[in-house]
Protein backbone atom coordinates (compact mmCIF):
# COMPACT_ATOMS: atom_id res chain seq x y z
CA MET A 1 -2.96 -68.57 -50.74
CA ALA A 2 -1.21 -69.67 -47.08
CA THR A 3 0.82 -68.16 -44.72
CA SER A 4 3.86 -70.20 -42.84
CA ASN A 5 5.94 -68.51 -40.72
CA ASP A 6 3.73 -65.23 -41.57
CA LYS A 7 4.96 -65.15 -44.93
CA LEU A 8 2.73 -64.43 -48.26
CA ILE A 9 2.87 -67.73 -50.43
CA LEU A 10 1.26 -67.05 -54.08
CA ASP A 11 -0.52 -70.76 -55.12
CA THR A 12 0.02 -70.32 -59.10
CA GLU A 13 -2.77 -71.48 -60.09
CA CYS A 14 -4.43 -68.49 -58.47
CA LYS A 15 -5.66 -65.11 -60.65
CA THR A 16 -6.28 -62.69 -58.02
CA LYS A 17 -4.12 -60.35 -57.28
CA PRO A 18 -3.46 -61.05 -53.28
CA THR A 19 -4.63 -57.92 -50.73
CA ILE A 20 -2.11 -56.27 -49.28
CA VAL A 21 -2.90 -53.98 -45.37
CA TYR A 22 -1.36 -51.10 -45.69
CA PRO A 23 0.94 -49.50 -43.80
CA THR A 24 2.98 -53.23 -43.88
CA ASN A 25 6.95 -53.98 -43.78
CA TRP A 26 7.85 -54.47 -47.26
CA GLY A 27 11.76 -56.58 -48.43
CA PHE A 28 13.58 -55.16 -51.48
CA LYS A 29 16.41 -58.21 -52.47
CA ILE A 30 18.72 -55.43 -53.36
CA ILE A 31 21.84 -57.16 -56.06
CA GLY A 32 24.71 -55.58 -57.88
CA ARG A 33 28.31 -55.90 -58.34
CA ASP A 34 30.22 -54.12 -55.69
CA LYS A 35 28.71 -55.36 -52.27
CA ASP A 36 29.81 -50.89 -50.99
CA LYS A 37 27.83 -49.13 -53.26
CA LEU A 38 25.17 -51.83 -53.46
CA LEU A 39 24.89 -50.39 -49.48
CA ALA A 40 25.66 -46.39 -50.54
CA SER A 41 22.80 -46.96 -53.35
CA ILE A 42 20.04 -48.31 -51.18
CA LYS A 43 20.70 -45.63 -47.58
CA GLU A 44 20.23 -42.52 -50.87
CA ILE A 45 17.77 -44.14 -51.67
CA MET A 46 16.22 -44.70 -48.45
CA GLY A 47 17.37 -40.81 -47.30
CA ASP A 48 15.68 -40.50 -44.10
CA LYS A 49 12.44 -43.48 -43.85
CA LYS A 50 13.64 -46.06 -40.90
CA HIS A 51 14.93 -48.48 -42.37
CA LEU A 52 16.50 -52.22 -41.92
CA CYS A 53 19.52 -53.41 -43.91
CA SER A 54 21.64 -57.10 -44.02
CA LEU A 55 24.03 -58.33 -46.66
CA GLY A 56 22.05 -61.59 -48.46
CA ASN A 57 24.30 -63.99 -50.97
CA THR A 58 27.49 -63.95 -52.39
CA SER A 59 26.99 -65.70 -56.23
CA LYS A 60 29.78 -68.74 -56.59
CA THR A 61 32.12 -67.09 -59.12
CA GLY A 62 31.63 -63.92 -56.45
CA LYS A 63 30.53 -61.56 -59.10
CA PHE A 64 27.38 -60.66 -57.82
CA THR A 65 25.66 -59.81 -54.17
CA THR A 66 22.60 -58.96 -52.51
CA TYR A 67 21.51 -57.20 -49.81
CA ASN A 68 17.81 -57.33 -47.67
CA ALA A 69 16.94 -54.01 -47.70
CA SER A 70 13.15 -53.69 -45.24
CA CYS A 71 11.05 -50.96 -44.05
CA ILE A 72 7.01 -49.82 -43.51
CA VAL A 73 6.13 -48.80 -47.34
CA GLU A 74 2.40 -46.78 -46.21
CA SER A 75 1.04 -47.05 -49.98
CA GLU A 76 1.55 -48.94 -53.37
CA GLU A 77 2.25 -46.07 -53.87
CA GLU A 78 5.41 -45.62 -51.34
CA ARG A 79 5.82 -49.15 -52.18
CA ASN A 80 6.01 -49.05 -55.49
CA LYS A 81 8.52 -45.93 -55.97
CA ILE A 82 11.15 -47.21 -53.63
CA PHE A 83 10.98 -50.03 -55.93
CA LYS A 84 11.34 -48.20 -59.27
CA TYR A 85 13.93 -46.03 -57.22
CA PHE A 86 15.98 -49.06 -56.38
CA GLU A 87 15.54 -50.92 -60.37
CA ASP A 88 16.66 -47.67 -62.16
CA HIS A 89 19.75 -46.88 -60.01
CA ILE A 90 23.31 -46.79 -61.68
CA ASP A 91 24.80 -49.47 -59.37
CA ILE A 92 21.86 -52.06 -58.50
CA ASN A 93 21.71 -54.74 -61.41
CA MET A 94 18.56 -56.46 -60.34
CA VAL A 95 15.73 -55.85 -57.52
CA ILE A 96 13.35 -58.77 -56.07
């Protein structure tokens, strides 16, 4: 495992899980078809939790839009819970 510009780079040969020290800033890439609904879903899921959100890319065909959302997560459990909320939301096609 190596770092470059404070970003984690995982070695595909490495079989061990990286150590994440909490609390930490965690980013989610949210992908869907309607940018207004995506933004609304991020606000809904994050609620009162302080977060950052920025418009990402749009696919070549214009069919999909991405938003980058990030927040401080206190634990792996919280990180997974937020991910699951995004994953299960009707207006979100994919979360990375």
